[in-house]
Structures are given as structure tokens and as C-alpha cells.
């Protein structure tokens, strides 16, 4: 796979949610629960230990700062501090085992392509989607739940 950047939510945003228990930009209350699903945490990009770890559910707009129109949805982070996934460390191992939907976006949130992966072999779909004309980034989503997991970009 050519060089990619894996963009998890920023550490400052995760810290603010943990401190205030409010969704950034919306003020909606965040909700803490013991993990009932695998996640992943949108900060460290590791799956949750179901029945053991606490997680925080809140509203997040993955297009904030990229596009003028918002498209918020629910995401989870660990309730306890965790280390952000390193942008240059490649596709998160924990997430390969999940059924994924990869959506390629151009300017104006225009969808240029979409691929489904259910076998962990993400390299081909990532390469082909990033090669499409006008694609600026990909969103990786959980196919089953539809939730936003993280963004992929070409490395500079």
C-alpha cells in the first residue's frame, strides 16, 4: 500500500470530551457506559474490551474543518486516556477484522467511490479509491453500524 496517513480524532478533542462530557460543537451531553460493542475508540483506534472498559458516546462531525456542511453522528472513545493512533503507523490492526465501508470523497463532500471490505484485505480498495480523480480523502466506517471510524489520506 502506498504511503497513507490514518487520521484519528485529535487528542485535544478527546481530552475536552472526557473533561466536559459534552459533544464538541454541539453541547449535547456525552454518555459513559461499559462497552457493549467492539467500537473502535476513535482516538487510539483499538477495539473495546466488551464488558470491561468504559467508553464515552458523543456526537461528532467528521467533516468539521474539511467541508462547509456538517454531517454529525455518534462515535465512541475510551473513558480513560489513551494514546492517539500514530498517523504514519498504517492501517489499524484491530480494525482489519471488521466489516468496513470505505468512502472516497472529493471537494464539496462529493462521493467519488465506495468499497466494502469483509476479509481484512484493505490495501487494494484503499489504493484504488485514493487513485480516483479528485479524491481528497477516505472515510472508513463500520459496515454493520454505519459509524465513522477514521479518515485516510495520501501521505505527503
Protein backbone atom coordinates (compact mmCIF):
# COMPACT_ATOMS: atom_id res chain seq x y z
CA UNK A 1 0.00 0.00 0.00
CA UNK A 2 1.37 3.41 -0.87
CA UNK A 3 2.03 5.79 1.95
CA UNK A 4 -1.13 6.80 3.81
CA UNK A 5 -2.00 8.90 6.84
CA UNK A 6 -4.53 7.46 9.27
CA UNK A 7 -6.35 10.35 10.93
CA UNK A 8 -7.95 9.59 14.31
CA UNK A 9 -9.77 12.29 16.22
CA UNK A 10 -7.41 14.86 17.78
CA UNK A 11 -6.14 14.35 21.32
CA UNK A 12 -7.33 17.81 22.43
CA UNK A 13 -10.85 16.94 21.30
CA UNK A 14 -10.81 13.60 23.18
CA UNK A 15 -9.47 15.34 26.30
CA UNK A 16 -12.18 18.02 26.10
CA UNK A 17 -14.94 15.41 25.80
CA UNK A 18 -13.56 13.49 28.78
CA UNK A 19 -13.33 16.69 30.86
CA UNK A 20 -16.72 18.22 29.96
CA UNK A 21 -18.81 15.20 28.94
CA UNK A 22 -20.20 17.30 26.11
CA UNK A 23 -20.09 16.84 22.35
CA UNK A 24 -17.72 19.38 20.77
CA UNK A 25 -19.50 21.97 18.67
CA UNK A 26 -22.95 20.77 19.74
CA UNK A 27 -23.02 20.82 23.54
CA UNK A 28 -25.06 17.62 23.63
CA UNK A 29 -24.36 15.55 26.70
CA UNK A 30 -21.91 12.69 26.27
CA UNK A 31 -22.80 9.31 27.75
CA UNK A 32 -20.48 6.92 29.63
CA UNK A 33 -21.14 3.18 29.60
CA UNK A 34 -19.32 -0.12 29.93
CA UNK A 35 -18.53 -1.25 26.38
CA UNK A 36 -21.27 -3.41 24.89
CA UNK A 37 -19.68 -3.43 21.43
CA UNK A 38 -16.20 -3.59 19.95
CA UNK A 39 -16.03 0.05 18.87
CA UNK A 40 -13.30 1.07 18.00
CA UNK A 41 -12.16 4.02 20.08
CA UNK A 42 -11.89 6.87 17.54
CA UNK A 43 -8.77 8.19 19.26
CA UNK A 44 -6.46 5.15 19.68
CA UNK A 45 -8.31 3.04 17.05
CA UNK A 46 -8.24 -0.06 19.26
CA UNK A 47 -11.34 -2.14 19.83
CA UNK A 48 -13.00 -2.04 23.23
CA UNK A 49 -12.85 -4.88 25.72
CA UNK A 50 -16.57 -5.66 25.86
CA UNK A 51 -17.94 -5.73 29.39
CA UNK A 52 -14.68 -4.39 30.83
CA UNK A 53 -13.70 -0.95 29.50
CA UNK A 54 -15.78 2.19 29.84
CA UNK A 55 -16.41 4.26 26.76
CA UNK A 56 -17.91 7.67 26.05
CA UNK A 57 -20.55 8.13 23.35
CA UNK A 58 -20.88 11.58 21.81
CA UNK A 59 -21.84 13.43 18.62
CA UNK A 60 -19.01 14.18 16.20
CA UNK A 61 -18.79 15.74 12.75
CA UNK A 62 -16.02 14.03 10.73
CA UNK A 63 -16.26 16.78 8.10
CA UNK A 64 -15.54 19.61 10.57
CA UNK A 65 -12.74 21.76 9.14
CA UNK A 66 -12.85 19.93 5.79
CA UNK A 67 -16.24 20.81 4.34
CA UNK A 68 -18.75 23.62 4.94
CA UNK A 69 -21.77 21.37 5.55
CA UNK A 70 -21.79 19.23 8.70
CA UNK A 71 -22.80 15.58 8.87
CA UNK A 72 -22.65 14.64 12.57
CA UNK A 73 -23.07 11.18 14.00
CA UNK A 74 -22.30 9.08 17.07
CA UNK A 75 -18.78 7.93 17.96
CA UNK A 76 -17.04 6.37 20.97
CA UNK A 77 -13.75 6.97 22.75
CA UNK A 78 -12.21 5.30 25.78
CA UNK A 79 -13.36 6.93 29.02
CA UNK A 80 -9.78 6.66 30.29
CA UNK A 81 -6.98 8.49 28.45
CA UNK A 82 -5.38 6.55 25.61
CA UNK A 83 -2.64 7.29 23.09
CA UNK A 84 -3.75 8.60 19.71
CA UNK A 85 -3.11 6.29 16.76
CA UNK A 86 0.05 7.50 15.01
CA UNK A 87 -0.86 8.89 11.59
CA UNK A 88 2.10 7.21 9.90
CA UNK A 89 1.75 3.79 11.56
CA UNK A 90 -0.50 2.31 8.88
CA UNK A 91 -3.96 0.82 8.85
CA UNK A 92 -5.06 -0.09 12.40
CA UNK A 93 -4.65 -3.83 13.05
CA UNK A 94 -7.69 -4.12 15.32
CA UNK A 95 -9.99 -2.75 12.64
CA UNK A 96 -8.95 -5.15 9.85
CA UNK A 97 -11.12 -7.90 11.34
CA UNK A 98 -14.32 -5.84 10.99
CA UNK A 99 -16.60 -5.41 8.00
CA UNK A 100 -15.67 -1.99 6.63
CA UNK A 101 -17.10 0.52 4.20
CA UNK A 102 -14.58 2.87 2.60
CA UNK A 103 -15.97 6.03 1.02
CA UNK A 104 -13.85 8.26 -1.23
CA UNK A 105 -14.65 11.98 -1.06
CA UNK A 106 -13.77 14.84 -3.36
CA UNK A 107 -14.34 18.56 -2.78
CA UNK A 108 -17.77 19.51 -1.51
CA UNK A 109 -18.25 16.12 0.17
CA UNK A 110 -18.88 14.61 -3.26
CA UNK A 111 -18.67 10.81 -3.15
CA UNK A 112 -16.31 9.52 -5.85
CA UNK A 113 -16.42 5.83 -4.94
CA UNK A 114 -17.15 3.25 -2.29
CA UNK A 115 -15.71 -0.18 -1.45
CA UNK A 116 -16.72 -2.85 1.05
CA UNK A 117 -14.11 -4.99 2.78
CA UNK A 118 -15.00 -8.01 4.89
CA UNK A 119 -11.77 -10.02 4.72
CA UNK A 120 -9.18 -7.65 6.21
CA UNK A 121 -7.53 -7.04 2.84
CA UNK A 122 -7.79 -3.26 2.82
CA UNK A 123 -4.75 -2.43 0.67
CA UNK A 124 -6.39 -2.90 -2.74
CA UNK A 125 -9.53 -0.89 -2.00
CA UNK A 126 -7.53 1.90 -0.34
CA UNK A 127 -5.18 2.14 -3.34
CA UNK A 128 -7.98 2.10 -5.92
CA UNK A 129 -10.13 4.65 -4.09
CA UNK A 130 -7.26 7.08 -3.50
CA UNK A 131 -6.34 6.78 -7.20
CA UNK A 132 -9.76 8.02 -8.36
CA UNK A 133 -9.71 11.51 -9.91
CA UNK A 134 -10.42 14.32 -7.47
CA UNK A 135 -10.37 12.19 -4.31
CA UNK A 136 -9.09 14.13 -1.30
CA UNK A 137 -9.60 11.58 1.49
CA UNK A 138 -11.44 8.41 2.51
CA UNK A 139 -13.74 7.76 5.40
CA UNK A 140 -13.57 4.31 6.93
CA UNK A 141 -16.86 3.25 8.50
CA UNK A 142 -18.17 0.16 10.21
CA UNK A 143 -20.41 -1.54 7.64
CA UNK A 144 -22.72 -3.08 10.23
CA UNK A 145 -23.35 0.04 12.35
CA UNK A 146 -22.57 2.69 9.69
CA UNK A 147 -20.49 4.67 12.19
CA UNK A 148 -17.48 6.77 11.24
CA UNK A 149 -14.19 5.21 12.39
CA UNK A 150 -11.40 7.36 10.91
CA UNK A 151 -10.11 9.24 7.84
CA UNK A 152 -7.40 8.14 5.41
CA UNK A 153 -5.33 10.49 3.28
CA UNK A 154 -2.34 10.18 1.00
CA UNK A 155 0.88 10.87 2.86
CA UNK A 156 2.74 13.91 1.58
